[in-house]
Amino acid sequence: MATTDHSLSDASTLTGWFKSSYSGPSNGDCLEVAAGHAHVPVRDSKRPTGPALLFPAASWADFVSAVRRGEFGASSA
């Protein structure tokens, strides 16, 4: 399992992957995250053996909170 500070070359070596309940049933353009690790790994659902990006848990939590608040939504202008 090759890793750097910010990525994992073979994401299939980790367990606990899940997709958001907002993901569609087609298994299309989805991100998966794996719980229970020191950093939060994120991968493309279409490439389960592909690379994963690793985020510090606090940074991932901040990102998810910002998404829930709508900070990345389309502008109403």
C-alpha atoms as a PDB file:
ATOM      1  CA  MET A   1       0.000   0.000   0.000  1.00  0.00           C
ATOM      2  CA  ALA A   2       1.834   3.079  -1.241  1.00  0.00           C
ATOM      3  CA  THR A   3       0.939   6.342   0.437  1.00  0.00           C
ATOM      4  CA  THR A   4       2.064   9.934   0.508  1.00  0.00           C
ATOM      5  CA  ASP A   5       0.988  12.559   2.983  1.00  0.00           C
ATOM      6  CA  HIS A   6      -2.127  13.248   0.902  1.00  0.00           C
ATOM      7  CA  SER A   7      -2.942  10.167  -1.153  1.00  0.00           C
ATOM      8  CA  LEU A   8      -3.184   6.399  -1.192  1.00  0.00           C
ATOM      9  CA  SER A   9      -2.330   4.649  -4.459  1.00  0.00           C
ATOM     10  CA  ASP A  10      -4.648   1.617  -4.026  1.00  0.00           C
ATOM     11  CA  ALA A  11      -7.853   2.617  -2.263  1.00  0.00           C
ATOM     12  CA  SER A  12      -9.145  -0.975  -2.223  1.00  0.00           C
ATOM     13  CA  THR A  13      -6.756  -1.760   0.647  1.00  0.00           C
ATOM     14  CA  LEU A  14      -9.072   0.101   3.037  1.00  0.00           C
ATOM     15  CA  THR A  15     -12.427  -1.038   4.388  1.00  0.00           C
ATOM     16  CA  GLY A  16     -15.564   0.819   5.406  1.00  0.00           C
ATOM     17  CA  TRP A  17     -16.264   2.674   2.145  1.00  0.00           C
ATOM     18  CA  PHE A  18     -19.679   4.300   1.731  1.00  0.00           C
ATOM     19  CA  LYS A  19     -21.469   6.781  -0.518  1.00  0.00           C
ATOM     20  CA  SER A  20     -23.755   9.602   0.481  1.00  0.00           C
ATOM     21  CA  SER A  21     -27.447   8.802   0.710  1.00  0.00           C
ATOM     22  CA  TYR A  22     -27.845  11.631  -1.846  1.00  0.00           C
ATOM     23  CA  SER A  23     -26.004   9.588  -4.494  1.00  0.00           C
ATOM     24  CA  GLY A  24     -28.182   8.291  -7.268  1.00  0.00           C
ATOM     25  CA  PRO A  25     -28.861   4.596  -7.889  1.00  0.00           C
ATOM     26  CA  SER A  26     -26.857   4.530 -11.150  1.00  0.00           C
ATOM     27  CA  ASN A  27     -23.434   4.370  -9.420  1.00  0.00           C
ATOM     28  CA  GLY A  28     -22.337   7.216 -11.655  1.00  0.00           C
ATOM     29  CA  ASP A  29     -20.320  10.220 -10.565  1.00  0.00           C
ATOM     30  CA  CYS A  30     -20.071   9.536  -6.849  1.00  0.00           C
ATOM     31  CA  LEU A  31     -17.472  10.012  -4.186  1.00  0.00           C
ATOM     32  CA  GLU A  32     -16.965   7.424  -1.490  1.00  0.00           C
ATOM     33  CA  VAL A  33     -15.414   7.975   1.912  1.00  0.00           C
ATOM     34  CA  ALA A  34     -14.111   5.409   4.377  1.00  0.00           C
ATOM     35  CA  ALA A  35     -14.775   5.755   8.079  1.00  0.00           C
ATOM     36  CA  GLY A  36     -12.589   4.705  10.956  1.00  0.00           C
ATOM     37  CA  HIS A  37      -9.171   5.806   9.703  1.00  0.00           C
ATOM     38  CA  ALA A  38      -6.690   8.399  10.989  1.00  0.00           C
ATOM     39  CA  HIS A  39      -7.363  10.550   7.907  1.00  0.00           C
ATOM     40  CA  VAL A  40     -10.542  10.568   5.821  1.00  0.00           C
ATOM     41  CA  PRO A  41      -9.889   8.816   2.495  1.00  0.00           C
ATOM     42  CA  VAL A  42     -12.007   9.899  -0.489  1.00  0.00           C
ATOM     43  CA  ARG A  43     -12.181   8.019  -3.813  1.00  0.00           C
ATOM     44  CA  ASP A  44     -14.104   7.917  -7.078  1.00  0.00           C
ATOM     45  CA  SER A  45     -16.758   5.183  -6.845  1.00  0.00           C
ATOM     46  CA  LYS A  46     -16.029   4.136 -10.431  1.00  0.00           C
ATOM     47  CA  ARG A  47     -12.388   3.368  -9.533  1.00  0.00           C
ATOM     48  CA  PRO A  48     -12.419   1.329  -6.303  1.00  0.00           C
ATOM     49  CA  THR A  49      -8.801   0.257  -6.781  1.00  0.00           C
ATOM     50  CA  GLY A  50      -7.710   3.691  -7.925  1.00  0.00           C
ATOM     51  CA  PRO A  51      -6.136   6.338  -5.762  1.00  0.00           C
ATOM     52  CA  ALA A  52      -7.759   8.021  -2.781  1.00  0.00           C
ATOM     53  CA  LEU A  53      -7.120  11.478  -1.435  1.00  0.00           C
ATOM     54  CA  LEU A  54      -6.508  11.699   2.310  1.00  0.00           C
ATOM     55  CA  PHE A  55      -7.880  14.598   4.345  1.00  0.00           C
ATOM     56  CA  PRO A  56      -7.357  15.417   8.027  1.00  0.00           C
ATOM     57  CA  ALA A  57     -10.596  14.558   9.849  1.00  0.00           C
ATOM     58  CA  ALA A  58     -11.116  18.141  11.079  1.00  0.00           C
ATOM     59  CA  SER A  59     -10.697  19.543   7.557  1.00  0.00           C
ATOM     60  CA  TRP A  60     -13.165  17.021   6.123  1.00  0.00           C
ATOM     61  CA  ALA A  61     -15.687  17.875   8.856  1.00  0.00           C
ATOM     62  CA  ASP A  62     -15.319  21.590   8.057  1.00  0.00           C
ATOM     63  CA  PHE A  63     -15.871  20.876   4.352  1.00  0.00           C
ATOM     64  CA  VAL A  64     -18.995  18.766   4.984  1.00  0.00           C
ATOM     65  CA  SER A  65     -20.397  21.467   7.283  1.00  0.00           C
ATOM     66  CA  ALA A  66     -19.833  24.126   4.609  1.00  0.00           C
ATOM     67  CA  VAL A  67     -21.614  21.952   2.008  1.00  0.00           C
ATOM     68  CA  ARG A  68     -24.565  21.493   4.359  1.00  0.00           C
ATOM     69  CA  ARG A  69     -24.760  25.267   4.858  1.00  0.00           C
ATOM     70  CA  GLY A  70     -24.931  25.715   1.078  1.00  0.00           C
ATOM     71  CA  GLU A  71     -21.640  27.584   0.772  1.00  0.00           C
ATOM     72  CA  PHE A  72     -20.820  25.859  -2.529  1.00  0.00           C
ATOM     73  CA  GLY A  73     -24.217  26.267  -4.177  1.00  0.00           C
ATOM     74  CA  ALA A  74     -24.949  28.234  -7.326  1.00  0.00           C
ATOM     75  CA  SER A  75     -25.071  31.993  -6.992  1.00  0.00           C
ATOM     76  CA  SER A  76     -28.505  33.598  -7.049  1.00  0.00           C
ATOM     77  CA  ALA A  77     -27.194  36.652  -8.938  1.00  0.00           C
END
